[in-house]
Amino acid sequence: QVQLVESGGGLVQAGGSLGLACAVSGTTFSGKVIGWYRQAPGKQRELVAVLSSGSSTNYADSVKGRFTISRDNAKNTVYLQMNSLKPEDSAVYYCNVNAGGSPLFAWGQGTQVTVSS
């Protein structure tokens, strides 16, 4: 059974930074495309960052230049470093394996990020 466990969220002032982590278990981690998603209240979940097995990255325009996705295959963990945070970054953040552009597994509990102005 695949488990996705996100952590690292919290409350931060605008302009601040946070680092998120997502531990993946129950599936082969290396060789898979991993994505970070977020969902704000009343909005659809959106993909904000993607990391391929070959370290190729892609970011949503809204976070480009501010967020960095990385992975540690030895720890089966994917990270999201978020800098220069804005109030509009406030959301619950989730990770998932990305297959064909879509999330593959059931969602974890996510981690709440709140950015105050």
N, C-alpha and C. Protein backbone atom coordinates (compact mmCIF):
# COMPACT_ATOMS: atom_id res chain seq x y z
N GLN A 1 0.84 -1.19 0.00
CA GLN A 1 0.00 0.00 0.00
C GLN A 1 0.88 1.24 0.00
N VAL A 2 0.63 2.13 -0.94
CA VAL A 2 1.43 3.35 -1.05
C VAL A 2 0.98 4.36 0.00
N GLN A 3 1.97 4.95 0.66
CA GLN A 3 1.69 6.03 1.62
C GLN A 3 2.49 7.26 1.25
N LEU A 4 1.83 8.40 1.31
CA LEU A 4 2.45 9.70 1.06
C LEU A 4 2.25 10.52 2.32
N VAL A 5 3.36 10.92 2.95
CA VAL A 5 3.27 11.64 4.22
C VAL A 5 4.01 12.96 4.08
N GLU A 6 3.23 14.03 4.04
CA GLU A 6 3.79 15.37 3.90
C GLU A 6 4.02 16.01 5.26
N SER A 7 5.04 16.86 5.34
CA SER A 7 5.34 17.55 6.59
C SER A 7 6.07 18.86 6.27
N GLY A 8 6.15 19.71 7.29
CA GLY A 8 6.93 20.93 7.17
C GLY A 8 6.15 22.21 7.00
N GLY A 9 4.83 22.11 6.88
CA GLY A 9 4.04 23.31 6.72
C GLY A 9 3.99 24.13 8.00
N GLY A 10 3.38 25.29 7.89
CA GLY A 10 3.26 26.16 9.05
C GLY A 10 2.81 27.54 8.66
N LEU A 11 2.93 28.45 9.62
CA LEU A 11 2.55 29.85 9.42
C LEU A 11 3.82 30.68 9.24
N VAL A 12 3.85 31.48 8.20
CA VAL A 12 5.02 32.30 7.92
C VAL A 12 4.57 33.65 7.38
N GLN A 13 5.36 34.66 7.60
CA GLN A 13 5.03 35.98 7.06
C GLN A 13 5.40 36.06 5.58
N ALA A 14 4.72 36.94 4.88
CA ALA A 14 5.05 37.15 3.47
C ALA A 14 6.53 37.50 3.33
N GLY A 15 7.16 36.91 2.33
CA GLY A 15 8.58 37.10 2.11
C GLY A 15 9.45 36.04 2.78
N GLY A 16 8.83 35.25 3.63
CA GLY A 16 9.56 34.22 4.35
C GLY A 16 9.73 32.94 3.55
N SER A 17 10.28 31.94 4.21
CA SER A 17 10.58 30.66 3.55
C SER A 17 10.08 29.49 4.39
N LEU A 18 9.77 28.42 3.70
CA LEU A 18 9.42 27.15 4.34
C LEU A 18 9.96 26.01 3.50
N GLY A 19 10.29 24.92 4.16
CA GLY A 19 10.70 23.72 3.44
C GLY A 19 9.77 22.57 3.75
N LEU A 20 9.21 21.98 2.74
CA LEU A 20 8.30 20.85 2.90
C LEU A 20 9.01 19.55 2.54
N ALA A 21 8.56 18.47 3.13
CA ALA A 21 9.08 17.14 2.81
C ALA A 21 7.92 16.18 2.63
N CYS A 22 8.14 15.19 1.78
CA CYS A 22 7.12 14.16 1.55
C CYS A 22 7.82 12.81 1.50
N ALA A 23 7.49 11.97 2.46
CA ALA A 23 8.04 10.61 2.51
C ALA A 23 7.10 9.67 1.76
N VAL A 24 7.67 8.91 0.85
CA VAL A 24 6.90 8.00 0.01
C VAL A 24 7.27 6.56 0.37
N SER A 25 6.29 5.74 0.64
CA SER A 25 6.55 4.34 0.94
C SER A 25 5.56 3.47 0.18
N GLY A 26 5.94 2.21 0.00
CA GLY A 26 5.05 1.25 -0.64
C GLY A 26 5.19 1.17 -2.15
N THR A 27 6.11 1.92 -2.70
CA THR A 27 6.34 1.87 -4.14
C THR A 27 7.80 2.20 -4.42
N THR A 28 8.27 1.78 -5.56
CA THR A 28 9.63 2.13 -5.96
C THR A 28 9.70 3.62 -6.23
N PHE A 29 10.58 4.29 -5.52
CA PHE A 29 10.62 5.75 -5.57
C PHE A 29 11.49 6.25 -6.73
N SER A 30 12.68 5.71 -6.80
CA SER A 30 13.58 6.17 -7.86
C SER A 30 13.00 5.77 -9.22
N GLY A 31 13.23 6.60 -10.21
CA GLY A 31 12.72 6.31 -11.54
C GLY A 31 11.33 6.84 -11.79
N LYS A 32 10.71 7.42 -10.78
CA LYS A 32 9.35 7.94 -10.94
C LYS A 32 9.36 9.47 -10.96
N VAL A 33 8.39 10.01 -11.66
CA VAL A 33 8.18 11.45 -11.67
C VAL A 33 7.37 11.81 -10.43
N ILE A 34 7.82 12.81 -9.69
CA ILE A 34 7.17 13.21 -8.45
C ILE A 34 6.71 14.66 -8.58
N GLY A 35 5.52 14.92 -8.09
CA GLY A 35 4.99 16.28 -8.16
C GLY A 35 4.53 16.79 -6.80
N TRP A 36 4.63 18.10 -6.63
CA TRP A 36 4.02 18.79 -5.50
C TRP A 36 2.79 19.52 -6.03
N TYR A 37 1.70 19.38 -5.30
CA TYR A 37 0.43 20.00 -5.65
C TYR A 37 -0.02 20.86 -4.48
N ARG A 38 -0.96 21.75 -4.73
CA ARG A 38 -1.54 22.52 -3.64
C ARG A 38 -3.01 22.79 -3.93
N GLN A 39 -3.74 22.95 -2.85
CA GLN A 39 -5.17 23.25 -2.97
C GLN A 39 -5.54 24.31 -1.95
N ALA A 40 -5.98 25.45 -2.44
CA ALA A 40 -6.45 26.53 -1.58
C ALA A 40 -7.97 26.39 -1.41
N PRO A 41 -8.52 26.95 -0.34
CA PRO A 41 -9.96 26.85 -0.11
C PRO A 41 -10.77 27.37 -1.30
N GLY A 42 -11.73 26.57 -1.76
CA GLY A 42 -12.59 26.97 -2.85
C GLY A 42 -11.96 26.87 -4.22
N LYS A 43 -10.74 26.32 -4.29
CA LYS A 43 -10.06 26.21 -5.58
C LYS A 43 -9.71 24.76 -5.88
N GLN A 44 -9.48 24.49 -7.14
CA GLN A 44 -9.05 23.15 -7.53
C GLN A 44 -7.59 22.91 -7.16
N ARG A 45 -7.29 21.66 -6.94
CA ARG A 45 -5.89 21.30 -6.68
C ARG A 45 -5.08 21.56 -7.93
N GLU A 46 -3.90 22.14 -7.75
CA GLU A 46 -3.05 22.46 -8.90
C GLU A 46 -1.65 21.90 -8.68
N LEU A 47 -1.03 21.58 -9.82
CA LEU A 47 0.34 21.08 -9.81
C LEU A 47 1.29 22.28 -9.81
N VAL A 48 2.18 22.33 -8.84
CA VAL A 48 3.09 23.49 -8.76
C VAL A 48 4.51 23.16 -9.13
N ALA A 49 4.93 21.91 -8.97
CA ALA A 49 6.31 21.55 -9.30
C ALA A 49 6.40 20.07 -9.61
N VAL A 50 7.23 19.75 -10.58
CA VAL A 50 7.41 18.36 -11.00
C VAL A 50 8.89 18.08 -11.13
N LEU A 51 9.28 16.89 -10.71
CA LEU A 51 10.68 16.47 -10.80
C LEU A 51 10.74 15.07 -11.40
N SER A 52 11.47 14.96 -12.50
CA SER A 52 11.59 13.65 -13.14
C SER A 52 12.68 12.83 -12.47
N SER A 53 12.77 11.58 -12.86
CA SER A 53 13.82 10.71 -12.33
C SER A 53 15.19 11.18 -12.77
N GLY A 54 15.24 11.91 -13.88
CA GLY A 54 16.50 12.41 -14.39
C GLY A 54 16.83 13.81 -13.94
N SER A 55 16.12 14.28 -12.90
CA SER A 55 16.35 15.60 -12.30
C SER A 55 15.87 16.77 -13.15
N SER A 56 15.08 16.50 -14.16
CA SER A 56 14.46 17.58 -14.92
C SER A 56 13.29 18.13 -14.10
N THR A 57 13.17 19.46 -14.05
CA THR A 57 12.12 20.07 -13.25
C THR A 57 11.21 20.95 -14.12
N ASN A 58 10.00 21.14 -13.60
CA ASN A 58 9.07 22.04 -14.25
C ASN A 58 8.22 22.67 -13.16
N TYR A 59 7.95 23.97 -13.32
CA TYR A 59 7.22 24.70 -12.28
C TYR A 59 6.06 25.47 -12.87
N ALA A 60 5.03 25.64 -12.07
CA ALA A 60 3.95 26.54 -12.45
C ALA A 60 4.51 27.95 -12.52
N ASP A 61 3.97 28.75 -13.41
CA ASP A 61 4.46 30.12 -13.58
C ASP A 61 4.38 30.90 -12.27
N SER A 62 3.38 30.60 -11.47
CA SER A 62 3.16 31.36 -10.24
C SER A 62 4.24 31.13 -9.19
N VAL A 63 5.01 30.06 -9.31
CA VAL A 63 6.03 29.77 -8.30
C VAL A 63 7.44 29.74 -8.89
N LYS A 64 7.55 29.89 -10.19
CA LYS A 64 8.85 29.80 -10.85
C LYS A 64 9.81 30.85 -10.29
N GLY A 65 11.01 30.41 -9.97
CA GLY A 65 12.00 31.31 -9.42
C GLY A 65 11.95 31.43 -7.91
N ARG A 66 10.88 30.91 -7.30
CA ARG A 66 10.73 31.00 -5.84
C ARG A 66 10.73 29.62 -5.18
N PHE A 67 10.23 28.61 -5.86
CA PHE A 67 10.15 27.26 -5.31
C PHE A 67 11.19 26.37 -5.99
N THR A 68 11.70 25.41 -5.21
CA THR A 68 12.65 24.44 -5.75
C THR A 68 12.26 23.04 -5.27
N ILE A 69 12.08 22.14 -6.22
CA ILE A 69 11.76 20.75 -5.88
C ILE A 69 13.03 19.92 -5.99
N SER A 70 13.19 18.99 -5.05
CA SER A 70 14.35 18.11 -5.07
C SER A 70 13.94 16.77 -4.47
N ARG A 71 14.84 15.79 -4.59
CA ARG A 71 14.51 14.47 -4.08
C ARG A 71 15.76 13.81 -3.51
N ASP A 72 15.54 12.89 -2.60
CA ASP A 72 16.59 12.04 -2.05
C ASP A 72 16.12 10.60 -2.24
N ASN A 73 16.61 9.94 -3.25
CA ASN A 73 16.14 8.59 -3.56
C ASN A 73 16.49 7.60 -2.44
N ALA A 74 17.58 7.84 -1.76
CA ALA A 74 17.98 6.95 -0.67
C ALA A 74 16.98 7.01 0.48
N LYS A 75 16.33 8.16 0.64
CA LYS A 75 15.37 8.34 1.73
C LYS A 75 13.92 8.26 1.24
N ASN A 76 13.73 8.00 -0.04
CA ASN A 76 12.37 7.97 -0.61
C ASN A 76 11.59 9.23 -0.25
N THR A 77 12.25 10.35 -0.36
CA THR A 77 11.66 11.63 0.08
C THR A 77 11.83 12.68 -1.00
N VAL A 78 10.79 13.47 -1.18
CA VAL A 78 10.84 14.61 -2.09
C VAL A 78 10.63 15.88 -1.27
N TYR A 79 11.29 16.93 -1.67
CA TYR A 79 11.28 18.18 -0.91
C TYR A 79 10.76 19.33 -1.78
N LEU A 80 10.25 20.34 -1.11
CA LEU A 80 9.87 21.58 -1.79
C LEU A 80 10.35 22.74 -0.94
N GLN A 81 11.36 23.44 -1.43
CA GLN A 81 11.84 24.64 -0.75
C GLN A 81 11.09 25.83 -1.33
N MET A 82 10.44 26.58 -0.45
CA MET A 82 9.61 27.70 -0.87
C MET A 82 10.19 28.98 -0.29
N ASN A 83 10.59 29.88 -1.15
CA ASN A 83 11.15 31.17 -0.75
C ASN A 83 10.26 32.30 -1.23
N SER A 84 10.47 33.47 -0.66
CA SER A 84 9.71 34.67 -1.05
C SER A 84 8.21 34.37 -1.10
N LEU A 85 7.74 33.77 -0.03
CA LEU A 85 6.34 33.34 0.00
C LEU A 85 5.39 34.53 -0.03
N LYS A 86 4.25 34.28 -0.67
CA LYS A 86 3.20 35.29 -0.82
C LYS A 86 1.91 34.76 -0.18
N PRO A 87 1.02 35.65 0.22
CA PRO A 87 -0.25 35.18 0.79
C PRO A 87 -1.00 34.23 -0.15
N GLU A 88 -0.88 34.43 -1.44
CA GLU A 88 -1.56 33.54 -2.39
C GLU A 88 -0.95 32.15 -2.48
N ASP A 89 0.17 31.94 -1.82
CA ASP A 89 0.74 30.59 -1.72
C ASP A 89 0.08 29.77 -0.63
N SER A 90 -0.76 30.39 0.17
CA SER A 90 -1.43 29.69 1.26
C SER A 90 -2.33 28.59 0.68
N ALA A 91 -2.14 27.38 1.18
CA ALA A 91 -2.88 26.22 0.66
C ALA A 91 -2.45 24.99 1.45
N VAL A 92 -3.15 23.89 1.21
CA VAL A 92 -2.66 22.60 1.68
C VAL A 92 -1.81 22.01 0.55
N TYR A 93 -0.61 21.60 0.90
CA TYR A 93 0.33 21.08 -0.07
C TYR A 93 0.40 19.56 0.02
N TYR A 94 0.40 18.93 -1.15
CA TYR A 94 0.44 17.48 -1.26
C TYR A 94 1.53 17.07 -2.25
N CYS A 95 2.02 15.85 -2.08
CA CYS A 95 2.89 15.29 -3.10
C CYS A 95 2.21 14.06 -3.68
N ASN A 96 2.67 13.65 -4.85
CA ASN A 96 2.17 12.42 -5.45
C ASN A 96 3.09 12.01 -6.58
N VAL A 97 3.06 10.76 -6.91
CA VAL A 97 3.73 10.28 -8.10
C VAL A 97 2.90 10.74 -9.29
N ASN A 98 3.59 11.24 -10.29
CA ASN A 98 2.93 11.80 -11.45
C ASN A 98 3.11 10.86 -12.63
N ALA A 99 2.00 10.42 -13.22
CA ALA A 99 2.07 9.50 -14.36
C ALA A 99 1.19 10.04 -15.48
N GLY A 100 1.79 10.31 -16.61
CA GLY A 100 1.03 10.83 -17.73
C GLY A 100 0.38 12.16 -17.43
N GLY A 101 0.99 12.91 -16.53
CA GLY A 101 0.45 14.22 -16.20
C GLY A 101 -0.59 14.22 -15.10
N SER A 102 -0.88 13.06 -14.54
CA SER A 102 -1.90 12.96 -13.51
C SER A 102 -1.34 12.29 -12.27
N PRO A 103 -1.89 12.62 -11.10
CA PRO A 103 -1.46 11.94 -9.88
C PRO A 103 -1.87 10.48 -9.91
N LEU A 104 -0.99 9.62 -9.36
CA LEU A 104 -1.19 8.19 -9.52
C LEU A 104 -1.84 7.53 -8.31
N PHE A 105 -1.53 8.01 -7.12
CA PHE A 105 -1.96 7.33 -5.91
C PHE A 105 -2.95 8.18 -5.11
N ALA A 106 -3.56 7.52 -4.12
CA ALA A 106 -4.45 8.24 -3.21
C ALA A 106 -3.66 9.31 -2.46
N TRP A 107 -4.32 10.43 -2.20
CA TRP A 107 -3.65 11.55 -1.56
C TRP A 107 -3.34 11.27 -0.09
N GLY A 108 -2.24 11.85 0.37
CA GLY A 108 -1.95 11.85 1.79
C GLY A 108 -2.75 12.94 2.47
N GLN A 109 -2.37 13.23 3.71
CA GLN A 109 -3.12 14.22 4.48
C GLN A 109 -2.75 15.64 4.12
N GLY A 110 -1.64 15.80 3.46
CA GLY A 110 -1.19 17.14 3.09
C GLY A 110 -0.60 17.89 4.27
N THR A 111 -0.02 19.04 3.98
CA THR A 111 0.52 19.90 5.03
C THR A 111 0.10 21.33 4.73
N GLN A 112 -0.41 22.00 5.76
CA GLN A 112 -0.98 23.34 5.59
C GLN A 112 0.12 24.39 5.59
N VAL A 113 0.09 25.25 4.60
CA VAL A 113 0.98 26.41 4.54
C VAL A 113 0.11 27.66 4.57
N THR A 114 0.40 28.52 5.52
CA THR A 114 -0.34 29.78 5.63
C THR A 114 0.66 30.93 5.62
N VAL A 115 0.47 31.84 4.69
CA VAL A 115 1.35 33.00 4.56
C VAL A 115 0.56 34.24 4.91
N SER A 116 1.01 34.92 5.95
CA SER A 116 0.31 36.13 6.39
C SER A 116 0.91 37.37 5.71
N SER A 117 0.05 38.35 5.48
CA SER A 117 0.52 39.56 4.80
C SER A 117 1.03 40.59 5.79
